[in-house]
PDB file of all heavy atoms in Angstrom:
ATOM      1  N   PHE A   1       6.873   3.683   7.469  1.00  0.00           N
ATOM      2  CA  PHE A   1       7.532   4.146   8.692  1.00  0.00           C
ATOM      3  C   PHE A   1       6.952   3.378   9.860  1.00  0.00           C
ATOM      4  O   PHE A   1       5.854   2.846   9.773  1.00  0.00           O
ATOM      5  CB  PHE A   1       7.341   5.658   8.844  1.00  0.00           C
ATOM      6  CG  PHE A   1       8.068   6.430   7.765  1.00  0.00           C
ATOM      7  CD1 PHE A   1       7.517   6.545   6.503  1.00  0.00           C
ATOM      8  CD2 PHE A   1       9.323   6.980   8.000  1.00  0.00           C
ATOM      9  CE1 PHE A   1       8.170   7.264   5.500  1.00  0.00           C
ATOM     10  CE2 PHE A   1       9.958   7.692   7.003  1.00  0.00           C
ATOM     11  CZ  PHE A   1       9.416   7.814   5.755  1.00  0.00           C
ATOM     12  N   HIS A   2       7.638   3.396  10.957  1.00  0.00           N
ATOM     13  CA  HIS A   2       7.271   2.495  12.044  1.00  0.00           C
ATOM     14  C   HIS A   2       5.902   2.770  12.634  1.00  0.00           C
ATOM     15  O   HIS A   2       4.969   2.017  12.418  1.00  0.00           O
ATOM     16  CB  HIS A   2       8.345   2.531  13.144  1.00  0.00           C
ATOM     17  CG  HIS A   2       8.129   1.516  14.209  1.00  0.00           C
ATOM     18  ND1 HIS A   2       7.908   0.185  13.954  1.00  0.00           N
ATOM     19  CD2 HIS A   2       8.070   1.638  15.556  1.00  0.00           C
ATOM     20  CE1 HIS A   2       7.728  -0.464  15.093  1.00  0.00           C
ATOM     21  NE2 HIS A   2       7.830   0.401  16.085  1.00  0.00           N
ATOM     22  N   MET A   3       5.717   3.846  13.379  1.00  0.00           N
ATOM     23  CA  MET A   3       4.404   4.130  13.970  1.00  0.00           C
ATOM     24  C   MET A   3       4.354   5.541  14.483  1.00  0.00           C
ATOM     25  O   MET A   3       5.378   6.198  14.688  1.00  0.00           O
ATOM     26  CB  MET A   3       4.078   3.142  15.093  1.00  0.00           C
ATOM     27  CG  MET A   3       4.936   3.272  16.355  1.00  0.00           C
ATOM     28  SD  MET A   3       4.392   2.167  17.655  1.00  0.00           S
ATOM     29  CE  MET A   3       4.889   0.593  16.972  1.00  0.00           C
ATOM     30  N   TYR A   4       3.118   6.018  14.672  1.00  0.00           N
ATOM     31  CA  TYR A   4       2.862   7.299  15.337  1.00  0.00           C
ATOM     32  C   TYR A   4       2.089   7.043  16.616  1.00  0.00           C
ATOM     33  O   TYR A   4       1.308   6.116  16.730  1.00  0.00           O
ATOM     34  CB  TYR A   4       2.007   8.219  14.435  1.00  0.00           C
ATOM     35  CG  TYR A   4       2.778   8.818  13.282  1.00  0.00           C
ATOM     36  CD1 TYR A   4       2.456   8.495  11.967  1.00  0.00           C
ATOM     37  CD2 TYR A   4       3.818   9.721  13.513  1.00  0.00           C
ATOM     38  CE1 TYR A   4       3.157   9.044  10.904  1.00  0.00           C
ATOM     39  CE2 TYR A   4       4.518  10.265  12.449  1.00  0.00           C
ATOM     40  CZ  TYR A   4       4.190   9.933  11.147  1.00  0.00           C
ATOM     41  OH  TYR A   4       4.886  10.469  10.093  1.00  0.00           O
ATOM     42  N   LYS A   5       2.285   7.930  17.588  1.00  0.00           N
ATOM     43  CA  LYS A   5       1.507   7.876  18.822  1.00  0.00           C
ATOM     44  C   LYS A   5       0.508   9.031  18.812  1.00  0.00           C
ATOM     45  O   LYS A   5       0.911  10.180  18.617  1.00  0.00           O
ATOM     46  CB  LYS A   5       2.427   7.984  20.043  1.00  0.00           C
ATOM     47  CG  LYS A   5       1.693   7.858  21.366  1.00  0.00           C
ATOM     48  CD  LYS A   5       2.646   7.944  22.548  1.00  0.00           C
ATOM     49  CE  LYS A   5       3.450   6.660  22.717  1.00  0.00           C
ATOM     50  NZ  LYS A   5       4.232   6.661  23.993  1.00  0.00           N
ATOM     51  N   ILE A   6      -0.770   8.710  18.965  1.00  0.00           N
ATOM     52  CA  ILE A   6      -1.815   9.718  18.897  1.00  0.00           C
ATOM     53  C   ILE A   6      -2.642   9.645  20.177  1.00  0.00           C
ATOM     54  O   ILE A   6      -3.130   8.573  20.552  1.00  0.00           O
ATOM     55  CB  ILE A   6      -2.734   9.507  17.671  1.00  0.00           C
ATOM     56  CG1 ILE A   6      -1.895   9.579  16.385  1.00  0.00           C
ATOM     57  CG2 ILE A   6      -3.845  10.535  17.632  1.00  0.00           C
ATOM     58  CD1 ILE A   6      -2.678   9.235  15.128  1.00  0.00           C
ATOM     59  N   SER A   7      -2.847  10.781  20.820  1.00  0.00           N
ATOM     60  CA  SER A   7      -3.670  10.850  22.027  1.00  0.00           C
ATOM     61  C   SER A   7      -5.098  11.312  21.639  1.00  0.00           C
ATOM     62  O   SER A   7      -5.258  12.262  20.850  1.00  0.00           O
ATOM     63  CB  SER A   7      -3.073  11.842  23.024  1.00  0.00           C
ATOM     64  OG  SER A   7      -3.858  11.907  24.203  1.00  0.00           O
ATOM     65  N   VAL A   8      -6.108  10.609  22.186  1.00  0.00           N
ATOM     66  CA  VAL A   8      -7.506  10.935  21.889  1.00  0.00           C
ATOM     67  C   VAL A   8      -8.277  11.016  23.213  1.00  0.00           C
ATOM     68  O   VAL A   8      -7.790  10.593  24.276  1.00  0.00           O
ATOM     69  CB  VAL A   8      -8.152   9.866  20.978  1.00  0.00           C
ATOM     70  CG1 VAL A   8      -7.422   9.810  19.634  1.00  0.00           C
ATOM     71  CG2 VAL A   8      -8.156   8.484  21.643  1.00  0.00           C
ATOM     72  N   ASP A   9      -9.479  11.570  23.147  1.00  0.00           N
ATOM     73  CA  ASP A   9     -10.283  11.658  24.370  1.00  0.00           C
ATOM     74  C   ASP A   9     -10.868  10.293  24.737  1.00  0.00           C
ATOM     75  O   ASP A   9     -10.802   9.330  23.951  1.00  0.00           O
ATOM     76  CB  ASP A   9     -11.383  12.726  24.248  1.00  0.00           C
ATOM     77  CG  ASP A   9     -12.409  12.412  23.180  1.00  0.00           C
ATOM     78  OD1 ASP A   9     -12.832  11.246  23.040  1.00  0.00           O
ATOM     79  OD2 ASP A   9     -12.816  13.347  22.452  1.00  0.00           O
ATOM     80  N   LYS A  10     -11.458  10.228  25.922  1.00  0.00           N
ATOM     81  CA  LYS A  10     -11.913   8.940  26.473  1.00  0.00           C
ATOM     82  C   LYS A  10     -12.988   8.296  25.598  1.00  0.00           C
ATOM     83  O   LYS A  10     -12.956   7.080  25.351  1.00  0.00           O
ATOM     84  CB  LYS A  10     -12.467   9.183  27.882  1.00  0.00           C
ATOM     85  CG  LYS A  10     -12.910   7.912  28.604  1.00  0.00           C
ATOM     86  CD  LYS A  10     -13.359   8.248  30.003  1.00  0.00           C
ATOM     87  CE  LYS A  10     -13.831   6.981  30.735  1.00  0.00           C
ATOM     88  NZ  LYS A  10     -14.302   7.281  32.103  1.00  0.00           N
ATOM     89  N   ASP A  11     -13.942   9.093  25.123  1.00  0.00           N
ATOM     90  CA  ASP A  11     -15.044   8.533  24.320  1.00  0.00           C
ATOM     91  C   ASP A  11     -14.535   7.972  23.004  1.00  0.00           C
ATOM     92  O   ASP A  11     -14.942   6.887  22.582  1.00  0.00           O
ATOM     93  CB  ASP A  11     -16.124   9.595  24.062  1.00  0.00           C
ATOM     94  CG  ASP A  11     -16.886   9.960  25.333  1.00  0.00           C
ATOM     95  OD1 ASP A  11     -16.901   9.123  26.264  1.00  0.00           O
ATOM     96  OD2 ASP A  11     -17.458  11.061  25.392  1.00  0.00           O
ATOM     97  N   LEU A  12     -13.665   8.717  22.341  1.00  0.00           N
ATOM     98  CA  LEU A  12     -13.114   8.238  21.067  1.00  0.00           C
ATOM     99  C   LEU A  12     -12.229   7.013  21.288  1.00  0.00           C
ATOM    100  O   LEU A  12     -12.269   6.076  20.457  1.00  0.00           O
ATOM    101  CB  LEU A  12     -12.314   9.360  20.394  1.00  0.00           C
ATOM    102  CG  LEU A  12     -11.724   9.025  19.011  1.00  0.00           C
ATOM    103  CD1 LEU A  12     -12.761   8.517  18.055  1.00  0.00           C
ATOM    104  CD2 LEU A  12     -11.000  10.249  18.440  1.00  0.00           C
ATOM    105  N   PHE A  13     -11.482   6.983  22.376  1.00  0.00           N
ATOM    106  CA  PHE A  13     -10.663   5.812  22.684  1.00  0.00           C
ATOM    107  C   PHE A  13     -11.534   4.565  22.803  1.00  0.00           C
ATOM    108  O   PHE A  13     -11.225   3.512  22.259  1.00  0.00           O
ATOM    109  CB  PHE A  13      -9.924   6.060  24.005  1.00  0.00           C
ATOM    110  CG  PHE A  13      -8.927   4.978  24.355  1.00  0.00           C
ATOM    111  CD1 PHE A  13      -7.631   5.021  23.906  1.00  0.00           C
ATOM    112  CD2 PHE A  13      -9.337   3.878  25.122  1.00  0.00           C
ATOM    113  CE1 PHE A  13      -6.714   4.030  24.230  1.00  0.00           C
ATOM    114  CE2 PHE A  13      -8.443   2.873  25.445  1.00  0.00           C
ATOM    115  CZ  PHE A  13      -7.121   2.940  25.001  1.00  0.00           C
ATOM    116  N   LYS A  14     -12.677   4.694  23.511  1.00  0.00           N
ATOM    117  CA  LYS A  14     -13.574   3.572  23.685  1.00  0.00           C
ATOM    118  C   LYS A  14     -14.197   3.147  22.366  1.00  0.00           C
ATOM    119  O   LYS A  14     -14.375   1.951  22.080  1.00  0.00           O
ATOM    120  CB  LYS A  14     -14.670   3.947  24.688  1.00  0.00           C
ATOM    121  CG  LYS A  14     -15.575   2.752  25.068  1.00  0.00           C
ATOM    122  CD  LYS A  14     -16.479   3.093  26.223  1.00  0.00           C
ATOM    123  CE  LYS A  14     -15.724   3.077  27.529  1.00  0.00           C
ATOM    124  NZ  LYS A  14     -16.612   3.190  28.706  1.00  0.00           N
ATOM    125  N   ASP A  15     -14.558   4.140  21.519  1.00  0.00           N
ATOM    126  CA  ASP A  15     -15.135   3.816  20.210  1.00  0.00           C
ATOM    127  C   ASP A  15     -14.151   3.058  19.348  1.00  0.00           C
ATOM    128  O   ASP A  15     -14.522   2.121  18.609  1.00  0.00           O
ATOM    129  CB  ASP A  15     -15.578   5.100  19.477  1.00  0.00           C
ATOM    130  CG  ASP A  15     -16.877   5.675  20.055  1.00  0.00           C
ATOM    131  OD1 ASP A  15     -17.555   4.958  20.811  1.00  0.00           O
ATOM    132  OD2 ASP A  15     -17.189   6.848  19.742  1.00  0.00           O
ATOM    133  N   ILE A  16     -12.878   3.426  19.395  1.00  0.00           N
ATOM    134  CA  ILE A  16     -11.847   2.705  18.630  1.00  0.00           C
ATOM    135  C   ILE A  16     -11.671   1.296  19.227  1.00  0.00           C
ATOM    136  O   ILE A  16     -11.572   0.302  18.492  1.00  0.00           O
ATOM    137  CB  ILE A  16     -10.509   3.483  18.680  1.00  0.00           C
ATOM    138  CG1 ILE A  16     -10.639   4.794  17.904  1.00  0.00           C
ATOM    139  CG2 ILE A  16      -9.381   2.622  18.090  1.00  0.00           C
ATOM    140  CD1 ILE A  16      -9.461   5.724  18.067  1.00  0.00           C
ATOM    141  N   GLN A  17     -11.690   1.203  20.535  1.00  0.00           N
ATOM    142  CA  GLN A  17     -11.503  -0.048  21.239  1.00  0.00           C
ATOM    143  C   GLN A  17     -12.616  -1.059  20.865  1.00  0.00           C
ATOM    144  O   GLN A  17     -12.370  -2.240  20.681  1.00  0.00           O
ATOM    145  CB  GLN A  17     -11.492   0.210  22.732  1.00  0.00           C
ATOM    146  CG  GLN A  17     -11.074  -0.968  23.580  1.00  0.00           C
ATOM    147  CD  GLN A  17     -11.038  -0.578  25.066  1.00  0.00           C
ATOM    148  OE1 GLN A  17     -11.760   0.328  25.469  1.00  0.00           O
ATOM    149  NE2 GLN A  17     -10.205  -1.242  25.837  1.00  0.00           N
ATOM    150  N   PHE A  18     -13.846  -0.520  20.760  1.00  0.00           N
ATOM    151  CA  PHE A  18     -14.999  -1.394  20.452  1.00  0.00           C
ATOM    152  C   PHE A  18     -15.331  -1.445  18.980  1.00  0.00           C
ATOM    153  O   PHE A  18     -16.409  -1.864  18.605  1.00  0.00           O
ATOM    154  CB  PHE A  18     -16.204  -0.952  21.277  1.00  0.00           C
ATOM    155  CG  PHE A  18     -16.161  -1.340  22.720  1.00  0.00           C
ATOM    156  CD1 PHE A  18     -15.931  -0.392  23.696  1.00  0.00           C
ATOM    157  CD2 PHE A  18     -16.308  -2.659  23.101  1.00  0.00           C
ATOM    158  CE1 PHE A  18     -15.875  -0.750  25.035  1.00  0.00           C
ATOM    159  CE2 PHE A  18     -16.245  -3.022  24.414  1.00  0.00           C
ATOM    160  CZ  PHE A  18     -16.023  -2.067  25.395  1.00  0.00           C
ATOM    161  N   LYS A  19     -14.432  -0.951  18.127  1.00  0.00           N
ATOM    162  CA  LYS A  19     -14.592  -1.039  16.686  1.00  0.00           C
ATOM    163  C   LYS A  19     -15.789  -0.249  16.160  1.00  0.00           C
ATOM    164  O   LYS A  19     -16.386  -0.596  15.132  1.00  0.00           O
ATOM    165  CB  LYS A  19     -14.725  -2.506  16.230  1.00  0.00           C
ATOM    166  CG  LYS A  19     -13.519  -3.367  16.510  1.00  0.00           C
ATOM    167  CD  LYS A  19     -12.372  -2.979  15.643  1.00  0.00           C
ATOM    168  CE  LYS A  19     -11.205  -3.933  15.728  1.00  0.00           C
ATOM    169  NZ  LYS A  19     -10.097  -3.560  14.864  1.00  0.00           N
ATOM    170  N   LYS A  20     -16.177   0.808  16.906  1.00  0.00           N
ATOM    171  CA  LYS A  20     -17.249   1.664  16.434  1.00  0.00           C
ATOM    172  C   LYS A  20     -16.701   2.782  15.514  1.00  0.00           C
ATOM    173  O   LYS A  20     -17.426   3.339  14.722  1.00  0.00           O
ATOM    174  CB  LYS A  20     -17.975   2.326  17.614  1.00  0.00           C
ATOM    175  CG  LYS A  20     -18.774   1.353  18.457  1.00  0.00           C
ATOM    176  CD  LYS A  20     -19.488   2.073  19.576  1.00  0.00           C
ATOM    177  CE  LYS A  20     -20.291   1.105  20.442  1.00  0.00           C
ATOM    178  NZ  LYS A  20     -20.945   1.816  21.556  1.00  0.00           N
ATOM    179  N   THR A  21     -15.442   3.064  15.655  1.00  0.00           N
ATOM    180  CA  THR A  21     -14.764   4.039  14.820  1.00  0.00           C
ATOM    181  C   THR A  21     -13.668   3.356  14.023  1.00  0.00           C
ATOM    182  O   THR A  21     -12.807   2.683  14.605  1.00  0.00           O
ATOM    183  CB  THR A  21     -14.145   5.177  15.671  1.00  0.00           C
ATOM    184  OG1 THR A  21     -15.206   5.911  16.303  1.00  0.00           O
ATOM    185  CG2 THR A  21     -13.337   6.136  14.804  1.00  0.00           C
ATOM    186  N   HIS A  22     -13.718   3.502  12.698  1.00  0.00           N
ATOM    187  CA  HIS A  22     -12.756   2.837  11.838  1.00  0.00           C
ATOM    188  C   HIS A  22     -11.793   3.816  11.144  1.00  0.00           C
ATOM    189  O   HIS A  22     -10.829   3.411  10.544  1.00  0.00           O
ATOM    190  CB  HIS A  22     -13.476   2.016  10.777  1.00  0.00           C
ATOM    191  CG  HIS A  22     -14.390   0.953  11.347  1.00  0.00           C
ATOM    192  ND1 HIS A  22     -13.906  -0.229  11.865  1.00  0.00           N
ATOM    193  CD2 HIS A  22     -15.720   0.920  11.545  1.00  0.00           C
ATOM    194  CE1 HIS A  22     -14.900  -0.955  12.320  1.00  0.00           C
ATOM    195  NE2 HIS A  22     -16.018  -0.271  12.123  1.00  0.00           N
ATOM    196  N   ILE A  23     -12.135   5.104  11.237  1.00  0.00           N
ATOM    197  CA  ILE A  23     -11.285   6.142  10.657  1.00  0.00           C
ATOM    198  C   ILE A  23     -11.006   7.212  11.697  1.00  0.00           C
ATOM    199  O   ILE A  23     -11.938   7.769  12.277  1.00  0.00           O
ATOM    200  CB  ILE A  23     -11.946   6.798   9.413  1.00  0.00           C
ATOM    201  CG1 ILE A  23     -12.230   5.761   8.334  1.00  0.00           C
ATOM    202  CG2 ILE A  23     -11.059   7.896   8.857  1.00  0.00           C
ATOM    203  CD1 ILE A  23     -13.017   6.289   7.152  1.00  0.00           C
ATOM    204  N   LEU A  24      -9.748   7.444  11.959  1.00  0.00           N
ATOM    205  CA  LEU A  24      -9.342   8.478  12.929  1.00  0.00           C
ATOM    206  C   LEU A  24      -8.972   9.727  12.117  1.00  0.00           C
ATOM    207  O   LEU A  24      -8.149   9.667  11.199  1.00  0.00           O
ATOM    208  CB  LEU A  24      -8.154   7.997  13.731  1.00  0.00           C
ATOM    209  CG  LEU A  24      -7.585   8.957  14.775  1.00  0.00           C
ATOM    210  CD1 LEU A  24      -8.635   9.316  15.811  1.00  0.00           C
ATOM    211  CD2 LEU A  24      -6.371   8.337  15.454  1.00  0.00           C
ATOM    212  N   GLU A  25      -9.632  10.853  12.439  1.00  0.00           N
ATOM    213  CA  GLU A  25      -9.428  12.073  11.687  1.00  0.00           C
ATOM    214  C   GLU A  25      -8.535  13.041  12.465  1.00  0.00           C
ATOM    215  O   GLU A  25      -8.709  13.235  13.670  1.00  0.00           O
ATOM    216  CB  GLU A  25     -10.776  12.753  11.407  1.00  0.00           C
ATOM    217  CG  GLU A  25     -11.706  11.877  10.544  1.00  0.00           C
ATOM    218  CD  GLU A  25     -13.064  12.550  10.312  1.00  0.00           C
ATOM    219  OE1 GLU A  25     -13.356  13.546  11.037  1.00  0.00           O
ATOM    220  OE2 GLU A  25     -13.783  12.105   9.418  1.00  0.00           O
ATOM    221  N   LYS A  26      -7.578  13.650  11.771  1.00  0.00           N
ATOM    222  CA  LYS A  26      -6.700  14.668  12.363  1.00  0.00           C
ATOM    223  C   LYS A  26      -6.677  15.916  11.447  1.00  0.00           C
ATOM    224  O   LYS A  26      -6.560  15.783  10.214  1.00  0.00           O
ATOM    225  CB  LYS A  26      -5.285  14.150  12.550  1.00  0.00           C
ATOM    226  CG  LYS A  26      -5.182  12.922  13.467  1.00  0.00           C
ATOM    227  CD  LYS A  26      -5.676  13.180  14.852  1.00  0.00           C
ATOM    228  CE  LYS A  26      -4.809  14.076  15.651  1.00  0.00           C
ATOM    229  NZ  LYS A  26      -5.276  14.221  17.065  1.00  0.00           N
ATOM    230  N   GLU A  27      -6.762  17.078  12.054  1.00  0.00           N
ATOM    231  CA  GLU A  27      -6.711  18.325  11.274  1.00  0.00           C
ATOM    232  C   GLU A  27      -5.353  18.471  10.607  1.00  0.00           C
ATOM    233  O   GLU A  27      -4.331  17.966  11.096  1.00  0.00           O
ATOM    234  CB  GLU A  27      -6.984  19.504  12.176  1.00  0.00           C
ATOM    235  CG  GLU A  27      -8.420  19.567  12.711  1.00  0.00           C
ATOM    236  CD  GLU A  27      -8.635  20.781  13.578  1.00  0.00           C
ATOM    237  OE1 GLU A  27      -7.675  21.591  13.755  1.00  0.00           O
ATOM    238  OE2 GLU A  27      -9.757  20.931  14.086  1.00  0.00           O
ATOM    239  N   THR A  28      -5.346  19.171   9.488  1.00  0.00           N
ATOM    240  CA  THR A  28      -4.095  19.357   8.749  1.00  0.00           C
ATOM    241  C   THR A  28      -3.277  20.495   9.386  1.00  0.00           C
ATOM    242  O   THR A  28      -3.058  21.543   8.785  1.00  0.00           O
ATOM    243  CB  THR A  28      -4.386  19.674   7.266  1.00  0.00           C
ATOM    244  OG1 THR A  28      -5.309  20.793   7.237  1.00  0.00           O
ATOM    245  CG2 THR A  28      -4.985  18.491   6.572  1.00  0.00           C
ATOM    246  N   SER A  29      -2.863  20.288  10.611  1.00  0.00           N
ATOM    247  CA  SER A  29      -2.033  21.267  11.329  1.00  0.00           C
ATOM    248  C   SER A  29      -0.618  21.223  10.750  1.00  0.00           C
ATOM    249  O   SER A  29      -0.230  20.332   9.998  1.00  0.00           O
ATOM    250  CB  SER A  29      -2.013  20.943  12.831  1.00  0.00           C
ATOM    251  OG  SER A  29      -1.405  19.669  13.016  1.00  0.00           O
ATOM    252  N   LYS A  30       0.159  22.230  11.135  1.00  0.00           N
ATOM    253  CA  LYS A  30       1.556  22.271  10.684  1.00  0.00           C
ATOM    254  C   LYS A  30       2.298  21.031  11.120  1.00  0.00           C
ATOM    255  O   LYS A  30       3.145  20.485  10.401  1.00  0.00           O
ATOM    256  CB  LYS A  30       2.243  23.517  11.219  1.00  0.00           C
ATOM    257  CG  LYS A  30       1.787  24.790  10.546  1.00  0.00           C
ATOM    258  CD  LYS A  30       2.579  25.997  11.066  1.00  0.00           C
ATOM    259  CE  LYS A  30       2.127  27.273  10.365  1.00  0.00           C
ATOM    260  NZ  LYS A  30       2.876  28.472  10.882  1.00  0.00           N
ATOM    261  N   TYR A  31       1.968  20.556  12.330  1.00  0.00           N
ATOM    262  CA  TYR A  31       2.647  19.344  12.822  1.00  0.00           C
ATOM    263  C   TYR A  31       2.396  18.161  11.921  1.00  0.00           C
ATOM    264  O   TYR A  31       3.337  17.465  11.513  1.00  0.00           O
ATOM    265  CB  TYR A  31       2.168  19.017  14.234  1.00  0.00           C
ATOM    266  CG  TYR A  31       2.673  17.670  14.736  1.00  0.00           C
ATOM    267  CD1 TYR A  31       3.956  17.527  15.233  1.00  0.00           C
ATOM    268  CD2 TYR A  31       1.844  16.548  14.672  1.00  0.00           C
ATOM    269  CE1 TYR A  31       4.430  16.290  15.655  1.00  0.00           C
ATOM    270  CE2 TYR A  31       2.307  15.312  15.103  1.00  0.00           C
ATOM    271  CZ  TYR A  31       3.582  15.173  15.585  1.00  0.00           C
ATOM    272  OH  TYR A  31       4.042  13.954  16.003  1.00  0.00           O
ATOM    273  N   TRP A  32       1.088  17.903  11.586  1.00  0.00           N
ATOM    274  CA  TRP A  32       0.789  16.745  10.783  1.00  0.00           C
ATOM    275  C   TRP A  32       1.209  16.909   9.327  1.00  0.00           C
ATOM    276  O   TRP A  32       1.572  15.921   8.662  1.00  0.00           O
ATOM    277  CB  TRP A  32      -0.702  16.413  10.869  1.00  0.00           C
ATOM    278  CG  TRP A  32      -1.062  15.755  12.167  1.00  0.00           C
ATOM    279  CD1 TRP A  32      -1.807  16.245  13.191  1.00  0.00           C
ATOM    280  CD2 TRP A  32      -0.613  14.460  12.613  1.00  0.00           C
ATOM    281  NE1 TRP A  32      -1.879  15.364  14.229  1.00  0.00           N
ATOM    282  CE2 TRP A  32      -1.161  14.264  13.912  1.00  0.00           C
ATOM    283  CE3 TRP A  32       0.181  13.463  12.047  1.00  0.00           C
ATOM    284  CZ2 TRP A  32      -0.909  13.110  14.640  1.00  0.00           C
ATOM    285  CZ3 TRP A  32       0.433  12.302  12.771  1.00  0.00           C
ATOM    286  CH2 TRP A  32      -0.116  12.126  14.035  1.00  0.00           C
ATOM    287  N   GLN A  33       1.205  18.121   8.840  1.00  0.00           N
ATOM    288  CA  GLN A  33       1.741  18.328   7.487  1.00  0.00           C
ATOM    289  C   GLN A  33       3.232  17.983   7.449  1.00  0.00           C
ATOM    290  O   GLN A  33       3.691  17.339   6.500  1.00  0.00           O
ATOM    291  CB  GLN A  33       1.530  19.796   7.071  1.00  0.00           C
ATOM    292  CG  GLN A  33       0.081  20.139   6.785  1.00  0.00           C
ATOM    293  CD  GLN A  33      -0.075  21.582   6.352  1.00  0.00           C
ATOM    294  OE1 GLN A  33       0.749  22.108   5.594  1.00  0.00           O
ATOM    295  NE2 GLN A  33      -1.122  22.246   6.856  1.00  0.00           N
ATOM    296  N   LYS A  34       3.939  18.413   8.500  1.00  0.00           N
ATOM    297  CA  LYS A  34       5.390  18.112   8.542  1.00  0.00           C
ATOM    298  C   LYS A  34       5.636  16.613   8.697  1.00  0.00           C
ATOM    299  O   LYS A  34       6.558  16.052   8.064  1.00  0.00           O
ATOM    300  CB  LYS A  34       6.003  18.861   9.732  1.00  0.00           C
ATOM    301  CG  LYS A  34       7.497  18.620   9.894  1.00  0.00           C
ATOM    302  CD  LYS A  34       8.038  19.380  11.098  1.00  0.00           C
ATOM    303  CE  LYS A  34       9.525  19.086  11.334  1.00  0.00           C
ATOM    304  NZ  LYS A  34      10.047  19.751  12.535  1.00  0.00           N
ATOM    305  N   GLU A  35       4.793  15.953   9.512  1.00  0.00           N
ATOM    306  CA  GLU A  35       4.991  14.514   9.771  1.00  0.00           C
ATOM    307  C   GLU A  35       4.596  13.648   8.595  1.00  0.00           C
ATOM    308  O   GLU A  35       5.230  12.632   8.295  1.00  0.00           O
ATOM    309  CB  GLU A  35       4.181  14.118  10.995  1.00  0.00           C
ATOM    310  CG  GLU A  35       4.723  14.603  12.319  1.00  0.00           C
ATOM    311  CD  GLU A  35       6.058  13.965  12.653  1.00  0.00           C
ATOM    312  OE1 GLU A  35       6.213  12.740  12.415  1.00  0.00           O
ATOM    313  OE2 GLU A  35       6.946  14.680  13.134  1.00  0.00           O
ATOM    314  N   LEU A  36       3.526  14.029   7.887  1.00  0.00           N
ATOM    315  CA  LEU A  36       2.940  13.114   6.924  1.00  0.00           C
ATOM    316  C   LEU A  36       3.262  13.455   5.466  1.00  0.00           C
ATOM    317  O   LEU A  36       3.207  12.546   4.604  1.00  0.00           O
ATOM    318  CB  LEU A  36       1.415  13.094   7.091  1.00  0.00           C
ATOM    319  CG  LEU A  36       0.902  12.502   8.408  1.00  0.00           C
ATOM    320  CD1 LEU A  36      -0.619  12.592   8.487  1.00  0.00           C
ATOM    321  CD2 LEU A  36       1.334  11.040   8.569  1.00  0.00           C
ATOM    322  N   LEU A  37       3.494  14.704   5.158  1.00  0.00           N
ATOM    323  CA  LEU A  37       3.708  15.067   3.750  1.00  0.00           C
ATOM    324  C   LEU A  37       5.180  14.908   3.375  1.00  0.00           C
ATOM    325  O   LEU A  37       6.077  15.431   4.038  1.00  0.00           O
ATOM    326  CB  LEU A  37       3.242  16.497   3.501  1.00  0.00           C
ATOM    327  CG  LEU A  37       1.739  16.725   3.677  1.00  0.00           C
ATOM    328  CD1 LEU A  37       1.399  18.176   3.378  1.00  0.00           C
ATOM    329  CD2 LEU A  37       0.927  15.795   2.807  1.00  0.00           C
ATOM    330  N   GLU A  38       5.392  14.202   2.294  1.00  0.00           N
ATOM    331  CA  GLU A  38       6.733  13.926   1.807  1.00  0.00           C
ATOM    332  C   GLU A  38       6.909  14.588   0.443  1.00  0.00           C
ATOM    333  O   GLU A  38       6.241  14.194  -0.531  1.00  0.00           O
ATOM    334  CB  GLU A  38       6.968  12.439   1.714  1.00  0.00           C
ATOM    335  CG  GLU A  38       8.391  12.062   1.388  1.00  0.00           C
ATOM    336  CD  GLU A  38       8.575  10.556   1.419  1.00  0.00           C
ATOM    337  OE1 GLU A  38       7.632   9.817   1.150  1.00  0.00           O
ATOM    338  OE2 GLU A  38       9.712  10.147   1.742  1.00  0.00           O
ATOM    339  N   PRO A  39       7.741  15.641   0.347  1.00  0.00           N
ATOM    340  CA  PRO A  39       7.882  16.352  -0.957  1.00  0.00           C
ATOM    341  C   PRO A  39       8.721  15.548  -1.946  1.00  0.00           C
ATOM    342  O   PRO A  39       9.657  14.862  -1.590  1.00  0.00           O
ATOM    343  CB  PRO A  39       8.606  17.633  -0.568  1.00  0.00           C
ATOM    344  CG  PRO A  39       9.380  17.290   0.675  1.00  0.00           C
ATOM    345  CD  PRO A  39       8.547  16.245   1.391  1.00  0.00           C
TER     346      PRO A  39
END
């Protein structure tokens, strides 16, 4: 699929920008279950 838009806080944004964070974690909320799980 094309892409998702994810909003993060300032510190995490900077860590991603500077390659300090390589894995972005998201809780298994109803929204993400609906978006990501394909039955």
